[in-house]
Amino acid sequence: MQITGRRILIAGSADLQCDERKLLYAHELVALLTAELAGRGAIFLVPFGKEPLLQDRVDGPSIVFDWLQYLRVF
């Protein structure tokens, strides 16, 4: 499949009370997917807004998944 120039939106969310280890694993998968797609020339749609965190947390991880937070992978 030709990826170059394709517009991609990676979006999802988790429950406010989900298992943090599973949430971090999901973030890792999205980071790897994002890096691979960007390396193949994909274009990303960018969502805007504040990222909600796990219940009773102020330091993350975010319960939403989007490509923007993974740019540091590069």
C-alpha atoms as a PDB file:
ATOM      1  CA  MET A   1       0.000   0.000   0.000  1.00  0.00           C
ATOM      2  CA  GLN A   2       1.291   3.453  -0.897  1.00  0.00           C
ATOM      3  CA  ILE A   3       1.503   5.583   2.284  1.00  0.00           C
ATOM      4  CA  THR A   4       3.230   8.717   0.935  1.00  0.00           C
ATOM      5  CA  GLY A   5       0.833  11.656   1.004  1.00  0.00           C
ATOM      6  CA  ARG A   6      -1.974   9.761   2.707  1.00  0.00           C
ATOM      7  CA  ARG A   7      -3.719  11.694   5.467  1.00  0.00           C
ATOM      8  CA  ILE A   8      -3.861   9.780   8.734  1.00  0.00           C
ATOM      9  CA  LEU A   9      -5.642  10.482  12.003  1.00  0.00           C
ATOM     10  CA  ILE A  10      -4.702   8.342  14.975  1.00  0.00           C
ATOM     11  CA  ALA A  11      -7.252   8.862  17.724  1.00  0.00           C
ATOM     12  CA  GLY A  12      -8.580   6.928  20.655  1.00  0.00           C
ATOM     13  CA  SER A  13      -9.126   7.105  24.358  1.00  0.00           C
ATOM     14  CA  ALA A  14      -9.123   5.056  27.538  1.00  0.00           C
ATOM     15  CA  ASP A  15     -11.226   5.025  30.671  1.00  0.00           C
ATOM     16  CA  LEU A  16     -10.211   7.516  33.383  1.00  0.00           C
ATOM     17  CA  GLN A  17      -9.574   4.580  35.721  1.00  0.00           C
ATOM     18  CA  CYS A  18      -7.808   2.176  33.345  1.00  0.00           C
ATOM     19  CA  ASP A  19      -4.681   0.225  34.237  1.00  0.00           C
ATOM     20  CA  GLU A  20      -1.739   2.622  33.806  1.00  0.00           C
ATOM     21  CA  ARG A  21       0.543  -0.138  32.466  1.00  0.00           C
ATOM     22  CA  LYS A  22      -1.916  -0.949  29.701  1.00  0.00           C
ATOM     23  CA  LEU A  23      -2.307   2.743  28.905  1.00  0.00           C
ATOM     24  CA  LEU A  24       1.459   3.218  28.648  1.00  0.00           C
ATOM     25  CA  TYR A  25       1.647   0.134  26.393  1.00  0.00           C
ATOM     26  CA  ALA A  26      -1.016   1.635  24.104  1.00  0.00           C
ATOM     27  CA  HIS A  27       0.957   4.895  23.958  1.00  0.00           C
ATOM     28  CA  GLU A  28       4.091   2.925  23.030  1.00  0.00           C
ATOM     29  CA  LEU A  29       2.250   1.155  20.197  1.00  0.00           C
ATOM     30  CA  VAL A  30       0.961   4.473  18.851  1.00  0.00           C
ATOM     31  CA  ALA A  31       4.474   5.930  19.038  1.00  0.00           C
ATOM     32  CA  LEU A  32       5.900   3.048  17.005  1.00  0.00           C
ATOM     33  CA  LEU A  33       3.081   3.229  14.456  1.00  0.00           C
ATOM     34  CA  THR A  34       3.477   6.990  14.118  1.00  0.00           C
ATOM     35  CA  ALA A  35       7.227   6.731  13.573  1.00  0.00           C
ATOM     36  CA  GLU A  36       6.772   4.050  10.928  1.00  0.00           C
ATOM     37  CA  LEU A  37       4.044   5.918   9.051  1.00  0.00           C
ATOM     38  CA  ALA A  38       5.923   9.240   9.176  1.00  0.00           C
ATOM     39  CA  GLY A  39       9.031   7.511   7.899  1.00  0.00           C
ATOM     40  CA  ARG A  40       6.997   6.319   4.923  1.00  0.00           C
ATOM     41  CA  GLY A  41       5.764   9.824   4.117  1.00  0.00           C
ATOM     42  CA  ALA A  42       2.334   9.884   5.749  1.00  0.00           C
ATOM     43  CA  ILE A  43       0.671  13.199   6.540  1.00  0.00           C
ATOM     44  CA  PHE A  44      -1.109  13.547   9.885  1.00  0.00           C
ATOM     45  CA  LEU A  45      -4.324  15.347  10.807  1.00  0.00           C
ATOM     46  CA  VAL A  46      -3.794  17.310  14.006  1.00  0.00           C
ATOM     47  CA  PRO A  47      -6.405  17.427  16.765  1.00  0.00           C
ATOM     48  CA  PHE A  48      -6.282  20.349  19.198  1.00  0.00           C
ATOM     49  CA  GLY A  49      -7.257  20.537  22.840  1.00  0.00           C
ATOM     50  CA  LYS A  50      -6.233  19.749  26.380  1.00  0.00           C
ATOM     51  CA  GLU A  51      -5.297  16.133  27.059  1.00  0.00           C
ATOM     52  CA  PRO A  52      -7.268  14.488  29.863  1.00  0.00           C
ATOM     53  CA  LEU A  53      -5.242  12.377  32.295  1.00  0.00           C
ATOM     54  CA  LEU A  54      -5.908   9.309  34.403  1.00  0.00           C
ATOM     55  CA  GLN A  55      -8.208   9.993  37.327  1.00  0.00           C
ATOM     56  CA  ASP A  56      -6.533  11.867  40.195  1.00  0.00           C
ATOM     57  CA  ARG A  57      -3.341  12.442  38.165  1.00  0.00           C
ATOM     58  CA  VAL A  58      -1.712  15.705  37.137  1.00  0.00           C
ATOM     59  CA  ASP A  59       1.387  14.237  35.455  1.00  0.00           C
ATOM     60  CA  GLY A  60      -0.039  11.824  32.893  1.00  0.00           C
ATOM     61  CA  PRO A  61      -0.235   9.628  31.040  1.00  0.00           C
ATOM     62  CA  SER A  62      -2.943  11.067  28.834  1.00  0.00           C
ATOM     63  CA  ILE A  63      -6.028   8.914  28.286  1.00  0.00           C
ATOM     64  CA  VAL A  64      -6.230  10.021  24.643  1.00  0.00           C
ATOM     65  CA  PHE A  65      -3.974   8.848  21.874  1.00  0.00           C
ATOM     66  CA  ASP A  66      -2.893  11.169  19.121  1.00  0.00           C
ATOM     67  CA  TRP A  67       0.192  11.441  16.989  1.00  0.00           C
ATOM     68  CA  LEU A  68       1.236  14.893  18.222  1.00  0.00           C
ATOM     69  CA  GLN A  69       2.756  13.741  21.499  1.00  0.00           C
ATOM     70  CA  TYR A  70       4.966  11.256  19.688  1.00  0.00           C
ATOM     71  CA  LEU A  71       6.945  13.675  17.530  1.00  0.00           C
ATOM     72  CA  ARG A  72       9.751  13.415  20.103  1.00  0.00           C
ATOM     73  CA  VAL A  73      10.338   9.862  18.812  1.00  0.00           C
ATOM     74  CA  PHE A  74      12.212  11.360  15.864  1.00  0.00           C
END
